[in-house]
């Protein structure tokens, strides 16, 4: 492939974007011991890059709120009023950005979350007040539940109010091939 093969002609933007959870492009932001890739979730990034979509990286609320050395927590542990307000503020910024693109005929095709995350899960997260991995590396009992993470819940509410429809897909690193197939399908149908 030549360097300029992926360049758009002048003013030839794809007018398509994908919004991704922060850790898809930066595995360094994940809780210690949870990163599955060195830098990015490479297979996802490769598909997005080849498709010619623009990529918007959401901030990581957990990293911003609790810092780099936080321990893994469940949705219930994060779902306190100050953290939910913090996620709502971030969701508002993301939704307004998507809305601005939409006003200018740029379509948001997918919002990619991370399954299992208390913040960015699309279909499955964990619950339990004694859950998570504590700093002393003692695994506590958690329950997997079919729920969205806090940021995804807030973002979906705002986009619904704005009447903006977007596909949400959760990256499941335990079944990455299935997830990649879902992403490819949405990208191919645009």
Protein backbone atom coordinates (compact mmCIF):
# COMPACT_ATOMS: atom_id res chain seq x y z
CA UNK A 1 0.00 0.00 0.00
CA UNK A 2 1.34 3.41 -0.94
CA UNK A 3 1.32 6.12 1.72
CA UNK A 4 -1.31 8.15 -0.13
CA UNK A 5 -3.71 5.25 -0.83
CA UNK A 6 -5.72 6.06 2.29
CA UNK A 7 -5.83 9.81 1.66
CA UNK A 8 -9.15 11.35 0.71
CA UNK A 9 -9.39 13.62 -2.30
CA UNK A 10 -9.56 17.30 -1.47
CA UNK A 11 -12.77 17.84 0.55
CA UNK A 12 -13.47 14.11 0.21
CA UNK A 13 -14.14 13.37 3.85
CA UNK A 14 -15.93 10.12 4.59
CA UNK A 15 -18.46 12.04 6.74
CA UNK A 16 -18.61 8.98 8.99
CA UNK A 17 -17.31 8.65 12.53
CA UNK A 18 -17.06 6.06 15.26
CA UNK A 19 -16.88 7.05 18.93
CA UNK A 20 -14.76 4.73 21.05
CA UNK A 21 -14.20 4.11 24.74
CA UNK A 22 -10.89 5.59 25.80
CA UNK A 23 -9.13 2.28 26.46
CA UNK A 24 -9.72 1.02 22.91
CA UNK A 25 -7.05 3.50 21.80
CA UNK A 26 -5.12 3.52 25.09
CA UNK A 27 -4.87 0.31 27.09
CA UNK A 28 -2.61 2.15 29.56
CA UNK A 29 -5.73 3.71 31.06
CA UNK A 30 -7.20 0.37 32.17
CA UNK A 31 -7.16 -0.86 35.76
CA UNK A 32 -3.87 -2.61 36.56
CA UNK A 33 -3.94 -6.20 35.35
CA UNK A 34 -6.92 -5.80 32.97
CA UNK A 35 -5.20 -4.66 29.75
CA UNK A 36 -5.25 -7.37 27.08
CA UNK A 37 -3.16 -5.42 24.54
CA UNK A 38 0.05 -3.38 24.85
CA UNK A 39 -1.24 -0.09 23.43
CA UNK A 40 -4.48 -0.20 21.46
CA UNK A 41 -7.00 -2.94 20.86
CA UNK A 42 -5.26 -3.43 17.53
CA UNK A 43 -7.83 -5.57 15.67
CA UNK A 44 -10.56 -2.97 16.34
CA UNK A 45 -8.33 -0.05 15.36
CA UNK A 46 -7.31 -1.82 12.14
CA UNK A 47 -10.93 -2.35 11.08
CA UNK A 48 -11.83 1.27 11.79
CA UNK A 49 -8.75 2.62 10.01
CA UNK A 50 -9.33 0.47 6.91
CA UNK A 51 -12.96 1.58 6.72
CA UNK A 52 -12.00 5.24 6.46
CA UNK A 53 -14.09 6.48 9.38
CA UNK A 54 -13.01 9.23 11.73
CA UNK A 55 -12.39 8.08 15.29
CA UNK A 56 -13.43 10.07 18.36
CA UNK A 57 -11.96 8.89 21.67
CA UNK A 58 -14.20 9.41 24.70
CA UNK A 59 -12.47 10.42 27.94
CA UNK A 60 -12.09 7.66 30.55
CA UNK A 61 -14.26 8.73 33.51
CA UNK A 62 -12.76 6.10 35.83
CA UNK A 63 -9.20 7.28 35.13
CA UNK A 64 -10.15 10.95 35.47
CA UNK A 65 -12.19 10.39 38.65
CA UNK A 66 -10.11 7.77 40.49
CA UNK A 67 -6.65 8.02 38.88
CA UNK A 68 -4.18 5.59 37.39
CA UNK A 69 -3.72 3.37 40.45
CA UNK A 70 -7.41 2.73 41.09
CA UNK A 71 -8.65 -0.77 41.85
CA UNK A 72 -11.35 -2.55 39.86
CA UNK A 73 -14.82 -1.74 41.12
CA UNK A 74 -18.33 -2.81 40.22
CA UNK A 75 -21.09 -0.64 38.80
CA UNK A 76 -22.74 -0.39 42.23
CA UNK A 77 -19.51 0.84 43.76
CA UNK A 78 -19.17 3.57 41.13
CA UNK A 79 -22.87 4.43 40.98
CA UNK A 80 -22.82 7.22 43.53
CA UNK A 81 -24.28 10.68 42.87
CA UNK A 82 -20.97 12.54 42.32
CA UNK A 83 -19.65 9.93 39.87
CA UNK A 84 -22.92 9.71 37.94
CA UNK A 85 -22.93 13.54 37.64
CA UNK A 86 -19.32 13.37 36.45
CA UNK A 87 -20.28 10.79 33.78
CA UNK A 88 -23.34 12.86 32.80
CA UNK A 89 -21.10 15.88 32.19
CA UNK A 90 -18.77 13.84 29.98
CA UNK A 91 -21.75 12.27 28.17
CA UNK A 92 -23.15 15.75 27.48
CA UNK A 93 -19.89 16.81 25.84
CA UNK A 94 -19.81 13.68 23.69
CA UNK A 95 -23.50 13.97 22.74
CA UNK A 96 -23.10 17.63 21.79
CA UNK A 97 -20.13 16.75 19.60
CA UNK A 98 -22.14 13.99 17.88
CA UNK A 99 -25.05 16.43 17.46
CA UNK A 100 -22.77 19.04 15.85
CA UNK A 101 -21.48 16.45 13.41
CA UNK A 102 -25.05 15.33 12.65
CA UNK A 103 -26.10 18.93 11.89
CA UNK A 104 -23.35 18.94 9.28
CA UNK A 105 -24.23 15.62 7.66
CA UNK A 106 -21.52 13.61 9.40
CA UNK A 107 -22.98 10.33 10.62
CA UNK A 108 -21.92 8.63 13.84
CA UNK A 109 -22.06 4.95 12.89
CA UNK A 110 -21.13 3.24 16.14
CA UNK A 111 -20.30 3.98 19.74
CA UNK A 112 -17.92 1.30 20.99
CA UNK A 113 -17.92 0.46 24.69
CA UNK A 114 -16.16 -2.20 26.75
CA UNK A 115 -18.12 -5.14 28.12
CA UNK A 116 -17.63 -5.76 31.84
CA UNK A 117 -16.84 -2.11 32.51
CA UNK A 118 -18.90 -0.42 35.24
CA UNK A 119 -18.76 2.74 33.14
CA UNK A 120 -18.52 1.81 29.45
CA UNK A 121 -20.34 -1.54 29.20
CA UNK A 122 -22.98 -1.79 26.49
CA UNK A 123 -24.72 -5.02 27.53
CA UNK A 124 -22.90 -6.60 30.49
CA UNK A 125 -21.26 -5.27 33.63
CA UNK A 126 -20.63 -6.45 37.19
CA UNK A 127 -22.48 -5.70 40.40
CA UNK A 128 -21.90 -6.27 44.07
CA UNK A 129 -20.70 -3.98 46.84
CA UNK A 130 -17.87 -6.33 47.75
CA UNK A 131 -16.85 -6.82 44.14
CA UNK A 132 -13.82 -5.88 42.21
CA UNK A 133 -10.15 -6.54 42.58
CA UNK A 134 -8.73 -4.84 45.65
CA UNK A 135 -5.23 -3.38 45.89
CA UNK A 136 -4.12 -6.46 47.86
CA UNK A 137 -4.97 -8.59 44.78
CA UNK A 138 -7.77 -10.40 46.58
CA UNK A 139 -10.55 -11.16 44.16
CA UNK A 140 -13.98 -10.44 45.63
CA UNK A 141 -17.22 -12.04 44.47
CA UNK A 142 -19.02 -10.13 41.73
CA UNK A 143 -22.11 -10.89 39.72
CA UNK A 144 -22.31 -10.37 35.97
CA UNK A 145 -25.50 -8.58 35.00
CA UNK A 146 -27.11 -7.58 31.72
CA UNK A 147 -26.84 -3.82 32.21
CA UNK A 148 -25.09 -0.87 30.67
CA UNK A 149 -22.25 1.03 32.30
CA UNK A 150 -22.93 4.45 33.83
CA UNK A 151 -21.42 6.57 31.02
CA UNK A 152 -23.19 4.55 28.33
CA UNK A 153 -26.53 4.92 30.17
CA UNK A 154 -26.10 8.68 30.39
CA UNK A 155 -24.97 8.98 26.77
CA UNK A 156 -27.89 6.93 25.48
CA UNK A 157 -30.38 9.09 27.43
CA UNK A 158 -28.94 12.30 25.96
CA UNK A 159 -28.82 10.97 22.40
CA UNK A 160 -32.43 9.80 22.70
CA UNK A 161 -33.48 13.31 23.80
CA UNK A 162 -31.61 14.68 20.77
CA UNK A 163 -33.32 12.09 18.56
CA UNK A 164 -29.97 10.78 17.35
CA UNK A 165 -29.83 7.05 16.62
CA UNK A 166 -26.47 5.32 16.88
CA UNK A 167 -25.51 1.65 17.09
CA UNK A 168 -23.81 0.75 20.37
CA UNK A 169 -21.45 -2.24 20.37
CA UNK A 170 -19.54 -3.53 23.38
CA UNK A 171 -16.05 -4.88 22.82
CA UNK A 172 -15.90 -8.30 24.41
CA UNK A 173 -12.24 -9.26 24.70
CA UNK A 174 -13.23 -12.81 25.62
CA UNK A 175 -14.98 -13.18 22.23
CA UNK A 176 -13.24 -10.56 20.12
CA UNK A 177 -13.96 -12.27 16.78
CA UNK A 178 -17.71 -12.05 17.31
CA UNK A 179 -17.40 -8.37 18.23
CA UNK A 180 -15.25 -7.64 15.17
CA UNK A 181 -17.88 -9.27 12.96
CA UNK A 182 -20.57 -6.97 14.43
CA UNK A 183 -18.42 -3.90 13.79
CA UNK A 184 -17.62 -4.97 10.22
CA UNK A 185 -21.33 -5.57 9.54
CA UNK A 186 -22.35 -2.06 10.66
CA UNK A 187 -19.50 -0.46 8.72
CA UNK A 188 -20.35 -2.44 5.57
CA UNK A 189 -24.00 -1.33 5.67
CA UNK A 190 -23.24 2.40 5.53
